[in-house]
Amino acid sequence: MNAPAPAANLMSGNDFRESLRRYKPRVFLDGRQVDSVADERGFGPGINAIALTYDYALKPQYAPLMTAVQHTSGKRVNRLTHINTSSGDLLNKLEAVRLVCQETGCAQRYLTHDALNAIGQVSARIDDAQGRTEHTARFLNYLHRVQDQDLTLGIAMTDAKGDRSRRPHEQANVDSYVHVVERNAKGIVISGTKAIVTGAPYVHEFLVMPCRNMGKEDADFAVCCAVPIDAAGITIIARPAGRPGEKVEHGAALFSRKYGQSTGVVMFDKVFVPWESVFYDGGNGTWEHSGHLTYSYATHHRHTCIGARAGFGDLLIGAGALMCEANGFDPGKESHLREQMVELITITESFYACGVAASVYGKADEHSKTFVPDAVFSNIGKLLLATKIYDMHRIAHYVSGGLIVTLPGPDEDHNPETGAKLSEVLRANPGVPYEQRIETARFIEDLTAGYQGGWYSVISLHGGGSPAAMKQEIYRNYPVGSKVELVERILERGVAHDPDRAITKNRQPGKCCDTGCTSPGQPVMVDLPVLPSASGGSKARH
């Protein structure tokens, strides 16, 4: 029997909270400077969500899914810091993200995984193009440190952008994009603004990445590096995570008082970054690889988002069924409710199935050997969830009834003048206590009809790129050329493949043949215990 792989220093959720106290970032929330991120009530729900990804990696029943052996070090690490090397890794990552997001709504830390996989790919690509090894070596040193310290990284990718019709070097305000202002023997100095950084106030470090393809004139804007959250010159202007309101003890914001997500605008003002933390700076032709990093990250992230939003779908499915029961209905017998529940299940499992297909048809990157999910299925899955999130909310509203927004406030439950009477007249199913019916209604309101519901809609629509970007990627990667040549062959046109012909440029090498899912050397999912299901049954699918 092989000895178990040595484990990196895996933290618990409380360890994570304590680790944040070792950093002193300059953070503003609601117009005031925050003294301690870890103790700030407004960030508590976001910190709780990330903390769960640490705790689950330590639970024996989840550890096979939430951890993985890093092939470059031989150590067992948190899966959300792991580099994928097989289709099985992609499937396990998808399942792991669904697992933590069905508990938290959005666990945030999966962005760390997506960025690390993409940066590893572009580092190897640059080295291959230049006949060097230093970029890969620098990345692996950083990767192993992140894994050994079990860090969470904030992805500083989306620049403020300024005038969208102009390229970075044409902007009136140069700080609308993060850029290199100085290079010296010790490192680089960067300035500029990243406008949307998930979890910005309560991560350990930022991964600064370009948000678009750069031209030669934009070389100084094509920078990718890592900086501690409290590096001199960084200012974070954040919004609260979830709804840690004043009346939580009375039943308001039942979900978002516990779990949520902060985002922040991150301003860099002449921030120094040592060379060992610079993956590329735009010089020596490295600007040419900015588009590859952007596309690679988008593919990983959209694949991961599928698992995240499937977890959210699990919450809506469960809450919708509970609300039907509390209202006195059995969806299995009430046809109009059954149809709605089946539609909600179909939406959730349809985009999740795209994630599974993207995993199965994933393949190794030609430079780094990192396994990359299939771009077409990843983008179709993300497009489905982005555009169907509003239907998911609509269905939850339909099966729940108007009570989810017309119910009197939670203070009335404790009002001696009204509470007893409300509990009598607002009870429906004799087998479900009033308190449970009302609790479920407020839970659904929190997820779909209040501030938090609107927030989930927007991040589903725009998180990881707009639907237009996904459609562009689908068409860019889809083998339309193979379909054209199929029809031409049936029509016996005898036309040879022309690489310069626009509509036949994209061709499919085959999914279940030489580079497809049945190729040797692509292990599938690891053997796992039967876990609580993300979709109703057991997780022993392999």
Protein backbone atom coordinates (compact mmCIF):
# COMPACT_ATOMS: atom_id res chain seq x y z
CA MET A 1 0.00 0.00 0.00
CA ASN A 2 1.33 3.43 -0.92
CA ALA A 3 2.00 5.81 1.93
CA PRO A 4 -0.43 8.76 2.04
CA ALA A 5 0.84 11.98 0.54
CA PRO A 6 2.20 14.48 3.09
CA ALA A 7 -0.24 17.30 3.70
CA ALA A 8 0.46 20.97 3.32
CA ASN A 9 -0.42 23.17 6.29
CA LEU A 10 -4.18 22.97 5.88
CA MET A 11 -5.94 25.59 7.99
CA SER A 12 -9.34 25.41 9.65
CA GLY A 13 -11.96 28.11 9.25
CA ASN A 14 -10.93 29.64 12.58
CA ASP A 15 -7.29 29.50 11.51
CA PHE A 16 -8.29 31.46 8.42
CA ARG A 17 -10.03 34.10 10.49
CA GLU A 18 -7.01 34.37 12.75
CA SER A 19 -4.63 34.58 9.78
CA LEU A 20 -6.43 37.70 8.56
CA ARG A 21 -5.42 39.46 11.75
CA ARG A 22 -1.78 39.23 10.70
CA TYR A 23 -2.49 41.58 7.79
CA LYS A 24 -3.13 45.30 8.11
CA PRO A 25 -4.78 46.37 4.85
CA ARG A 26 -6.09 49.87 4.24
CA VAL A 27 -9.82 49.18 3.85
CA PHE A 28 -12.83 51.49 3.77
CA LEU A 29 -16.42 50.36 4.31
CA ASP A 30 -19.47 52.63 4.29
CA GLY A 31 -17.30 55.75 4.45
CA ARG A 32 -15.11 54.69 7.38
CA GLN A 33 -11.76 52.97 7.71
CA VAL A 34 -11.86 49.43 9.05
CA ASP A 35 -9.57 48.68 11.99
CA SER A 36 -9.70 44.87 11.81
CA VAL A 37 -11.08 43.04 8.79
CA ALA A 38 -11.50 39.79 10.73
CA ASP A 39 -13.61 41.54 13.39
CA GLU A 40 -15.63 43.76 11.07
CA ARG A 41 -19.30 42.80 11.28
CA GLY A 42 -19.94 43.96 7.73
CA PHE A 43 -17.50 41.38 6.36
CA GLY A 44 -18.53 38.48 8.60
CA PRO A 45 -20.79 36.65 6.11
CA GLY A 46 -18.08 36.74 3.43
CA ILE A 47 -15.42 35.48 5.81
CA ASN A 48 -17.78 32.70 6.93
CA ALA A 49 -18.22 31.54 3.33
CA ILE A 50 -14.48 31.23 2.70
CA ALA A 51 -13.92 29.69 6.15
CA LEU A 52 -16.20 26.81 5.17
CA THR A 53 -13.84 25.83 2.33
CA TYR A 54 -11.13 25.37 4.95
CA ASP A 55 -13.32 23.41 7.37
CA TYR A 56 -14.65 21.07 4.69
CA ALA A 57 -11.12 20.12 3.63
CA LEU A 58 -10.54 18.85 7.17
CA LYS A 59 -13.76 16.84 7.45
CA PRO A 60 -13.06 13.14 6.79
CA GLN A 61 -16.23 12.70 4.72
CA TYR A 62 -15.33 15.60 2.42
CA ALA A 63 -11.53 15.49 2.38
CA PRO A 64 -11.27 13.14 -0.65
CA LEU A 65 -13.20 15.72 -2.65
CA MET A 66 -11.92 18.94 -1.06
CA THR A 67 -8.21 18.04 -1.24
CA ALA A 68 -5.89 16.76 -3.96
CA VAL A 69 -2.26 15.77 -4.39
CA GLN A 70 -0.27 18.47 -6.16
CA HIS A 71 1.86 16.66 -8.75
CA THR A 72 4.76 19.15 -8.61
CA SER A 73 5.26 18.81 -4.84
CA GLY A 74 3.65 15.50 -3.89
CA LYS A 75 1.74 17.25 -1.10
CA ARG A 76 -1.97 17.03 -0.37
CA VAL A 77 -3.45 20.53 -0.70
CA ASN A 78 -6.82 22.20 -0.67
CA ARG A 79 -8.47 21.51 -4.03
CA LEU A 80 -9.17 25.20 -4.48
CA THR A 81 -5.41 25.83 -4.74
CA HIS A 82 -4.70 22.76 -6.87
CA ILE A 83 -3.51 22.52 -10.50
CA ASN A 84 -5.64 20.06 -12.51
CA THR A 85 -3.91 17.20 -14.31
CA SER A 86 -6.86 15.07 -15.48
CA SER A 87 -10.51 15.07 -16.40
CA GLY A 88 -11.09 13.56 -12.98
CA ASP A 89 -9.55 16.62 -11.37
CA LEU A 90 -11.95 18.84 -13.30
CA LEU A 91 -14.93 16.73 -12.25
CA ASN A 92 -13.85 16.71 -8.63
CA LYS A 93 -13.33 20.47 -8.69
CA LEU A 94 -16.81 20.93 -10.13
CA GLU A 95 -18.34 18.70 -7.44
CA ALA A 96 -16.31 20.40 -4.69
CA VAL A 97 -17.46 23.86 -5.74
CA ARG A 98 -21.09 22.71 -5.89
CA LEU A 99 -20.74 21.20 -2.43
CA VAL A 100 -19.42 24.37 -0.76
CA CYS A 101 -21.77 26.68 -2.68
CA GLN A 102 -24.91 24.75 -1.81
CA GLU A 103 -24.02 25.63 1.77
CA THR A 104 -22.77 29.22 1.27
CA GLY A 105 -24.38 30.39 -1.97
CA CYS A 106 -20.98 31.61 -3.16
CA ALA A 107 -17.78 30.34 -1.55
CA GLN A 108 -15.55 32.84 -3.43
CA ARG A 109 -12.30 30.98 -2.91
CA TYR A 110 -12.70 29.01 -6.14
CA LEU A 111 -11.39 32.08 -7.99
CA THR A 112 -8.00 31.27 -6.46
CA HIS A 113 -8.06 27.93 -8.26
CA ASP A 114 -9.10 29.42 -11.60
CA ALA A 115 -6.38 32.07 -11.64
CA LEU A 116 -3.58 29.75 -10.53
CA ASN A 117 -4.40 27.27 -13.29
CA ALA A 118 -4.45 30.03 -15.90
CA ILE A 119 -1.22 31.67 -14.74
CA GLY A 120 0.53 28.30 -14.75
CA GLN A 121 -0.52 27.85 -18.36
CA VAL A 122 0.68 31.26 -19.54
CA SER A 123 3.98 30.95 -17.64
CA ALA A 124 4.80 27.75 -19.51
CA ARG A 125 3.64 29.30 -22.78
CA ILE A 126 6.01 32.26 -22.36
CA ASP A 127 8.92 29.97 -21.52
CA ASP A 128 8.26 27.79 -24.56
CA ALA A 129 8.09 30.84 -26.81
CA GLN A 130 11.34 32.25 -25.43
CA GLY A 131 13.26 29.03 -24.83
CA ARG A 132 13.46 29.68 -21.10
CA THR A 133 12.30 28.13 -17.84
CA GLU A 134 12.29 31.04 -15.40
CA HIS A 135 8.61 31.96 -15.67
CA THR A 136 7.48 28.44 -14.84
CA ALA A 137 9.99 28.16 -12.01
CA ARG A 138 8.84 31.46 -10.54
CA PHE A 139 5.21 30.40 -10.77
CA LEU A 140 5.85 27.01 -9.12
CA ASN A 141 7.71 28.68 -6.24
CA TYR A 142 4.72 30.93 -5.71
CA LEU A 143 2.21 28.09 -6.13
CA HIS A 144 3.91 25.92 -3.55
CA ARG A 145 4.04 28.80 -1.06
CA VAL A 146 0.32 29.46 -1.54
CA GLN A 147 -0.44 25.77 -1.04
CA ASP A 148 1.90 25.34 1.94
CA GLN A 149 0.40 28.36 3.68
CA ASP A 150 -3.15 27.50 2.49
CA LEU A 151 -3.78 31.03 1.28
CA THR A 152 -6.85 32.60 -0.31
CA LEU A 153 -6.16 34.96 -3.22
CA GLY A 154 -8.23 37.84 -4.54
CA ILE A 155 -8.33 38.11 -8.33
CA ALA A 156 -7.64 41.70 -9.35
CA MET A 157 -8.48 41.39 -13.03
CA THR A 158 -11.26 43.79 -14.06
CA ASP A 159 -9.77 47.25 -14.59
CA ALA A 160 -11.79 50.45 -14.23
CA LYS A 161 -11.32 50.71 -18.05
CA GLY A 162 -12.27 54.39 -18.46
CA ASP A 163 -13.57 55.15 -21.95
CA ARG A 164 -14.50 51.71 -23.31
CA SER A 165 -13.95 52.84 -26.90
CA ARG A 166 -10.26 53.49 -26.24
CA ARG A 167 -7.41 51.08 -25.60
CA PRO A 168 -5.46 51.26 -22.32
CA HIS A 169 -2.66 53.47 -23.61
CA GLU A 170 -5.20 55.91 -25.09
CA GLN A 171 -7.03 56.62 -21.82
CA ALA A 172 -7.18 60.20 -20.54
CA ASN A 173 -6.62 58.83 -17.02
CA VAL A 174 -3.82 56.30 -17.19
CA ASP A 175 -4.83 54.89 -13.79
CA SER A 176 -8.06 53.50 -15.24
CA TYR A 177 -5.91 50.43 -15.97
CA VAL A 178 -3.24 48.93 -13.72
CA HIS A 179 0.14 49.42 -15.36
CA VAL A 180 3.88 49.32 -14.74
CA VAL A 181 5.31 52.73 -13.88
CA GLU A 182 8.85 51.60 -13.11
CA ARG A 183 11.17 48.62 -13.57
CA ASN A 184 14.40 48.27 -11.63
CA ALA A 185 16.82 45.59 -10.48
CA LYS A 186 14.61 44.63 -7.52
CA GLY A 187 11.22 44.52 -9.20
CA ILE A 188 8.44 46.63 -10.66
CA VAL A 189 6.21 49.45 -9.43
CA ILE A 190 2.53 49.43 -10.44
CA SER A 191 -0.32 51.93 -10.28
CA GLY A 192 -3.94 51.90 -11.40
CA THR A 193 -7.39 50.66 -10.44
CA LYS A 194 -9.09 47.28 -10.42
CA ALA A 195 -12.81 47.92 -10.22
CA ILE A 196 -14.32 44.57 -9.20
CA VAL A 197 -12.37 42.28 -6.87
CA THR A 198 -14.34 39.48 -5.20
CA GLY A 199 -13.65 39.14 -1.48
CA ALA A 200 -11.15 42.01 -1.69
CA PRO A 201 -11.06 42.99 2.02
CA TYR A 202 -10.54 39.52 3.48
CA VAL A 203 -8.06 37.65 1.25
CA HIS A 204 -4.34 37.20 1.88
CA GLU A 205 -2.93 38.40 -1.43
CA PHE A 206 -4.05 39.79 -4.76
CA LEU A 207 -3.26 38.23 -8.12
CA VAL A 208 -3.07 41.15 -10.53
CA MET A 209 -3.98 40.06 -14.06
CA PRO A 210 -4.75 41.87 -17.34
CA CYS A 211 -8.43 41.93 -18.28
CA ARG A 212 -8.04 41.99 -22.06
CA ASN A 213 -5.79 41.29 -25.00
CA MET A 214 -3.03 43.91 -25.17
CA GLY A 215 -1.24 45.43 -28.17
CA LYS A 216 2.42 46.43 -28.28
CA GLU A 217 1.50 50.01 -27.29
CA ASP A 218 -0.23 48.57 -24.20
CA ALA A 219 2.79 46.58 -23.03
CA ASP A 220 3.00 48.38 -19.69
CA PHE A 221 -0.62 47.40 -18.98
CA ALA A 222 0.04 43.70 -19.60
CA VAL A 223 1.18 42.94 -16.07
CA CYS A 224 0.58 39.82 -13.99
CA CYS A 225 1.91 39.66 -10.44
CA ALA A 226 1.09 38.85 -6.82
CA VAL A 227 0.98 41.37 -3.97
CA PRO A 228 0.02 41.05 -0.29
CA ILE A 229 -3.30 42.68 0.56
CA ASP A 230 -1.55 45.11 2.90
CA ALA A 231 1.29 46.14 0.58
CA ALA A 232 2.14 49.84 0.85
CA GLY A 233 0.13 51.88 -1.64
CA ILE A 234 -2.97 49.65 -1.79
CA THR A 235 -6.38 51.06 -0.83
CA ILE A 236 -9.55 48.94 -0.83
CA ILE A 237 -13.01 50.49 -0.95
CA ALA A 238 -15.43 47.67 -0.17
CA ARG A 239 -19.13 46.97 0.18
CA PRO A 240 -20.64 44.83 2.96
CA ALA A 241 -20.84 41.07 2.55
CA GLY A 242 -24.40 39.76 2.74
CA ARG A 243 -26.83 41.41 5.12
CA PRO A 244 -25.44 41.40 8.64
CA GLY A 245 -28.33 43.62 9.79
CA GLU A 246 -29.38 44.90 13.17
CA LYS A 247 -32.32 42.51 13.68
CA VAL A 248 -30.82 39.16 12.81
CA GLU A 249 -31.91 37.69 16.10
CA HIS A 250 -35.53 38.19 15.02
CA GLY A 251 -35.28 36.19 11.80
CA ALA A 252 -34.39 38.77 9.14
CA ALA A 253 -31.99 37.84 6.33
CA LEU A 254 -31.96 34.18 7.34
CA PHE A 255 -29.34 33.21 4.76
CA SER A 256 -27.37 36.36 3.99
CA ARG A 257 -26.79 37.25 7.62
CA LYS A 258 -24.59 34.13 7.72
CA TYR A 259 -23.13 33.95 4.21
CA GLY A 260 -22.41 36.63 1.65
CA GLN A 261 -19.74 38.21 -0.48
CA SER A 262 -18.00 41.54 -0.42
CA THR A 263 -16.47 43.09 -3.50
CA GLY A 264 -14.06 45.97 -3.59
CA VAL A 265 -12.47 48.62 -5.76
CA VAL A 266 -8.72 48.21 -5.32
CA MET A 267 -6.46 51.18 -5.99
CA PHE A 268 -2.72 50.70 -6.52
CA ASP A 269 -0.58 53.79 -5.93
CA LYS A 270 3.06 53.08 -6.79
CA VAL A 271 3.01 49.61 -5.26
CA PHE A 272 6.35 47.81 -5.33
CA VAL A 273 6.38 44.15 -6.43
CA PRO A 274 9.62 42.12 -6.18
CA TRP A 275 10.62 40.11 -9.25
CA GLU A 276 9.91 36.79 -7.54
CA SER A 277 6.22 37.79 -7.44
CA VAL A 278 6.08 39.02 -11.06
CA PHE A 279 4.84 36.41 -13.54
CA TYR A 280 5.24 38.80 -16.47
CA ASP A 281 5.41 42.57 -16.85
CA GLY A 282 4.72 43.17 -20.54
CA GLY A 283 8.39 43.54 -21.42
CA ASN A 284 10.38 41.26 -23.73
CA GLY A 285 7.28 40.52 -25.78
CA THR A 286 5.33 39.05 -22.87
CA TRP A 287 2.46 41.46 -23.66
CA GLU A 288 1.62 39.12 -26.54
CA HIS A 289 0.43 36.51 -24.05
CA SER A 290 -2.09 38.69 -22.19
CA GLY A 291 -4.98 37.51 -24.37
CA HIS A 292 -4.07 33.87 -23.75
CA LEU A 293 -4.17 34.45 -19.99
CA THR A 294 -7.52 36.20 -20.23
CA TYR A 295 -9.08 33.41 -22.32
CA SER A 296 -7.57 30.66 -20.17
CA TYR A 297 -8.80 32.22 -16.95
CA ALA A 298 -12.26 32.78 -18.44
CA THR A 299 -12.55 29.11 -19.42
CA HIS A 300 -11.50 27.85 -15.98
CA HIS A 301 -13.69 30.39 -14.20
CA ARG A 302 -16.82 29.84 -16.27
CA HIS A 303 -16.47 26.09 -15.75
CA THR A 304 -16.19 26.67 -12.00
CA CYS A 305 -19.13 29.09 -11.96
CA ILE A 306 -21.29 26.24 -13.24
CA GLY A 307 -20.63 24.30 -10.04
CA ALA A 308 -21.17 27.39 -7.92
CA ARG A 309 -24.53 28.28 -9.38
CA ALA A 310 -25.65 24.64 -9.34
CA GLY A 311 -25.13 24.83 -5.58
CA PHE A 312 -27.37 27.89 -5.52
CA GLY A 313 -29.91 25.97 -7.59
CA ASP A 314 -29.88 23.23 -4.96
CA LEU A 315 -30.90 25.82 -2.38
CA LEU A 316 -33.81 27.00 -4.51
CA ILE A 317 -34.98 23.45 -5.25
CA GLY A 318 -34.95 22.49 -1.59
CA ALA A 319 -36.57 25.71 -0.41
CA GLY A 320 -39.23 25.56 -3.15
CA ALA A 321 -40.22 22.01 -2.17
CA LEU A 322 -40.36 22.98 1.51
CA MET A 323 -42.57 25.96 0.72
CA CYS A 324 -44.96 23.81 -1.32
CA GLU A 325 -45.25 21.43 1.63
CA ALA A 326 -45.75 24.27 4.10
CA ASN A 327 -48.53 25.66 1.88
CA GLY A 328 -50.30 22.29 1.98
CA PHE A 329 -49.30 20.96 -1.43
CA ASP A 330 -47.44 17.88 -2.60
CA PRO A 331 -45.64 18.92 -5.84
CA GLY A 332 -45.65 15.32 -6.94
CA LYS A 333 -49.46 15.35 -7.03
CA GLU A 334 -50.12 19.00 -7.94
CA SER A 335 -49.37 19.12 -11.67
CA HIS A 336 -48.76 22.86 -12.04
CA LEU A 337 -46.30 22.86 -9.14
CA ARG A 338 -44.63 19.68 -10.37
CA GLU A 339 -44.09 21.26 -13.78
CA GLN A 340 -42.45 24.27 -12.21
CA MET A 341 -40.22 22.19 -9.93
CA VAL A 342 -39.17 20.00 -12.85
CA GLU A 343 -38.30 23.13 -14.85
CA LEU A 344 -36.13 24.38 -11.98
CA ILE A 345 -34.42 21.01 -11.71
CA THR A 346 -33.96 20.87 -15.48
CA ILE A 347 -32.35 24.31 -15.63
CA THR A 348 -29.96 23.53 -12.78
CA GLU A 349 -28.94 20.11 -14.00
CA SER A 350 -28.74 21.22 -17.66
CA PHE A 351 -26.03 23.79 -17.07
CA TYR A 352 -24.35 21.46 -14.60
CA ALA A 353 -24.33 18.74 -17.25
CA CYS A 354 -22.43 21.17 -19.48
CA GLY A 355 -19.86 21.42 -16.71
CA VAL A 356 -19.59 17.64 -16.55
CA ALA A 357 -19.18 17.47 -20.35
CA ALA A 358 -16.55 20.21 -20.22
CA SER A 359 -14.67 18.12 -17.65
CA VAL A 360 -14.92 14.85 -19.57
CA TYR A 361 -13.83 16.49 -22.81
CA GLY A 362 -11.11 18.53 -21.13
CA LYS A 363 -7.57 18.12 -22.34
CA ALA A 364 -4.03 18.97 -21.35
CA ASP A 365 -2.68 22.38 -22.25
CA GLU A 366 0.10 21.88 -24.79
CA HIS A 367 2.62 23.94 -22.82
CA SER A 368 1.96 23.32 -19.13
CA LYS A 369 0.06 19.99 -19.25
CA THR A 370 -2.54 21.61 -17.00
CA PHE A 371 -5.93 20.07 -17.76
CA VAL A 372 -8.30 22.63 -19.24
CA PRO A 373 -12.09 22.20 -19.44
CA ASP A 374 -13.62 22.20 -22.89
CA ALA A 375 -14.21 25.85 -23.82
CA VAL A 376 -17.44 25.29 -25.75
CA PHE A 377 -19.23 23.35 -23.01
CA SER A 378 -17.85 25.68 -20.31
CA ASN A 379 -19.18 28.75 -22.06
CA ILE A 380 -22.53 27.16 -22.94
CA GLY A 381 -23.01 26.14 -19.31
CA LYS A 382 -22.10 29.60 -18.06
CA LEU A 383 -24.34 31.24 -20.68
CA LEU A 384 -27.26 29.05 -19.59
CA LEU A 385 -26.89 29.89 -15.92
CA ALA A 386 -26.34 33.58 -16.66
CA THR A 387 -29.54 33.90 -18.65
CA LYS A 388 -31.65 31.36 -16.75
CA ILE A 389 -31.00 32.76 -13.26
CA TYR A 390 -34.06 34.99 -13.65
CA ASP A 391 -36.17 31.97 -14.57
CA MET A 392 -34.84 30.19 -11.49
CA HIS A 393 -36.00 33.09 -9.34
CA ARG A 394 -39.36 33.24 -11.15
CA ILE A 395 -40.00 29.56 -10.50
CA ALA A 396 -39.10 29.92 -6.83
CA HIS A 397 -41.59 32.78 -6.63
CA TYR A 398 -44.28 30.77 -8.42
CA VAL A 399 -44.12 27.71 -6.19
CA SER A 400 -43.77 29.77 -3.02
CA GLY A 401 -46.68 32.17 -3.38
CA GLY A 402 -46.87 35.88 -2.61
CA LEU A 403 -46.31 35.37 1.10
CA ILE A 404 -42.55 35.58 0.61
CA VAL A 405 -42.79 39.37 0.15
CA THR A 406 -46.16 40.28 1.73
CA LEU A 407 -45.48 38.65 5.09
CA PRO A 408 -45.30 41.16 7.99
CA GLY A 409 -41.83 41.85 9.31
CA PRO A 410 -40.13 39.51 11.79
CA ASP A 411 -40.74 41.88 14.70
CA GLU A 412 -44.46 41.04 14.51
CA ASP A 413 -43.67 37.43 15.42
CA HIS A 414 -42.70 38.73 18.85
CA ASN A 415 -45.43 41.35 19.19
CA PRO A 416 -47.85 40.33 21.98
CA GLU A 417 -50.61 42.26 20.20
CA THR A 418 -50.30 40.41 16.88
CA GLY A 419 -47.97 37.42 17.11
CA ALA A 420 -50.41 34.82 18.45
CA LYS A 421 -53.11 35.70 15.95
CA LEU A 422 -50.69 35.68 13.01
CA SER A 423 -49.47 32.23 13.97
CA GLU A 424 -53.05 30.99 13.86
CA VAL A 425 -54.24 32.51 10.59
CA LEU A 426 -51.00 32.16 8.60
CA ARG A 427 -50.58 28.47 9.25
CA ALA A 428 -51.44 26.32 6.20
CA ASN A 429 -50.38 22.67 6.36
CA PRO A 430 -51.42 21.30 9.80
CA GLY A 431 -48.26 19.23 9.82
CA VAL A 432 -45.94 22.23 9.41
CA PRO A 433 -45.69 24.70 12.32
CA TYR A 434 -46.27 28.39 11.56
CA GLU A 435 -42.69 29.23 12.49
CA GLN A 436 -41.30 26.78 9.92
CA ARG A 437 -43.57 28.05 7.15
CA ILE A 438 -42.61 31.66 7.81
CA GLU A 439 -38.93 30.81 8.15
CA THR A 440 -38.94 29.12 4.74
CA ALA A 441 -40.78 32.08 3.19
CA ARG A 442 -38.22 34.54 4.54
CA PHE A 443 -35.39 32.28 3.41
CA ILE A 444 -36.70 32.36 -0.18
CA GLU A 445 -37.27 36.11 0.02
CA ASP A 446 -33.65 36.55 1.10
CA LEU A 447 -32.36 34.41 -1.79
CA THR A 448 -34.58 35.74 -4.58
CA ALA A 449 -36.70 38.80 -3.80
CA GLY A 450 -34.58 41.14 -1.71
CA TYR A 451 -31.19 42.78 -1.89
CA GLN A 452 -29.41 39.43 -1.88
CA GLY A 453 -31.63 38.01 -4.61
CA GLY A 454 -30.87 40.90 -6.93
CA TRP A 455 -27.19 40.52 -6.14
CA TYR A 456 -27.23 36.83 -7.10
CA SER A 457 -28.92 37.75 -10.38
CA VAL A 458 -26.29 40.31 -11.31
CA ILE A 459 -23.26 38.20 -10.41
CA SER A 460 -24.76 35.28 -12.32
CA LEU A 461 -25.33 37.45 -15.39
CA HIS A 462 -22.02 39.34 -15.42
CA GLY A 463 -19.68 37.31 -13.20
CA GLY A 464 -16.95 35.78 -15.35
CA GLY A 465 -17.86 38.01 -18.28
CA SER A 466 -21.03 39.12 -20.00
CA PRO A 467 -23.25 36.79 -22.07
CA ALA A 468 -21.85 38.50 -25.18
CA ALA A 469 -18.35 37.39 -24.22
CA MET A 470 -19.53 33.81 -23.75
CA LYS A 471 -21.27 33.79 -27.11
CA GLN A 472 -18.07 35.06 -28.72
CA GLU A 473 -16.10 32.25 -27.10
CA ILE A 474 -18.64 29.61 -28.10
CA TYR A 475 -18.44 30.62 -31.76
CA ARG A 476 -14.67 31.11 -31.62
CA ASN A 477 -14.12 27.57 -30.33
CA TYR A 478 -16.99 25.65 -31.91
CA PRO A 479 -15.96 23.45 -34.86
CA VAL A 480 -18.32 24.97 -37.41
CA GLY A 481 -15.82 24.00 -40.10
CA SER A 482 -16.26 20.32 -39.35
CA LYS A 483 -20.02 20.64 -39.75
CA VAL A 484 -19.60 22.51 -43.04
CA GLU A 485 -17.25 19.85 -44.38
CA LEU A 486 -19.68 17.14 -43.23
CA VAL A 487 -22.47 18.62 -45.33
CA GLU A 488 -20.17 19.24 -48.29
CA ARG A 489 -19.06 15.62 -48.14
CA ILE A 490 -22.66 14.41 -48.13
CA LEU A 491 -23.36 16.67 -51.09
CA GLU A 492 -20.34 15.05 -52.80
CA ARG A 493 -18.73 18.38 -53.55
CA GLY A 494 -15.27 16.91 -53.13
CA VAL A 495 -13.93 20.19 -51.73
CA ALA A 496 -10.60 19.82 -49.94
CA HIS A 497 -10.13 21.57 -46.60
CA ASP A 498 -8.95 25.15 -47.10
CA PRO A 499 -7.29 26.60 -43.98
CA ASP A 500 -7.86 30.14 -45.32
CA ARG A 501 -11.59 29.69 -45.73
CA ALA A 502 -13.37 31.57 -42.95
CA ILE A 503 -16.23 29.20 -42.20
CA THR A 504 -14.05 26.08 -42.15
CA LYS A 505 -11.27 27.53 -40.02
CA ASN A 506 -12.47 25.88 -36.82
CA ARG A 507 -12.39 22.10 -37.08
CA GLN A 508 -12.96 19.42 -34.51
CA PRO A 509 -10.19 16.84 -34.04
CA GLY A 510 -12.67 14.46 -32.43
CA LYS A 511 -14.09 14.08 -28.96
CA CYS A 512 -14.16 10.32 -28.54
CA CYS A 513 -11.17 9.50 -30.68
CA ASP A 514 -7.52 10.52 -30.73
CA THR A 515 -7.76 13.52 -28.37
CA GLY A 516 -11.12 12.84 -26.79
CA CYS A 517 -12.43 11.44 -23.55
CA THR A 518 -11.42 7.86 -24.29
CA SER A 519 -7.74 8.65 -24.76
CA PRO A 520 -5.46 6.69 -22.42
CA GLY A 521 -3.93 8.50 -19.48
CA GLN A 522 -6.97 10.51 -18.43
CA PRO A 523 -8.01 9.10 -15.05
CA VAL A 524 -11.57 9.80 -14.00
CA MET A 525 -12.87 10.81 -10.59
CA VAL A 526 -11.18 9.55 -7.47
CA ASP A 527 -13.03 7.01 -5.36
CA LEU A 528 -15.11 8.90 -2.83
CA PRO A 529 -17.38 7.92 0.02
CA VAL A 530 -21.08 8.52 -0.51
CA LEU A 531 -21.52 12.21 0.21
CA PRO A 532 -24.65 14.26 0.84
CA SER A 533 -26.01 14.95 -2.60
CA ALA A 534 -25.81 18.19 -4.47
CA SER A 535 -28.78 17.11 -6.54
CA GLY A 536 -30.91 14.67 -4.61
CA GLY A 537 -29.11 11.32 -4.75
CA SER A 538 -25.78 10.01 -3.57
CA LYS A 539 -22.52 11.33 -4.98
CA ALA A 540 -21.14 7.88 -5.76
CA ARG A 541 -21.47 8.40 -9.51
CA HIS A 542 -18.29 6.69 -10.57
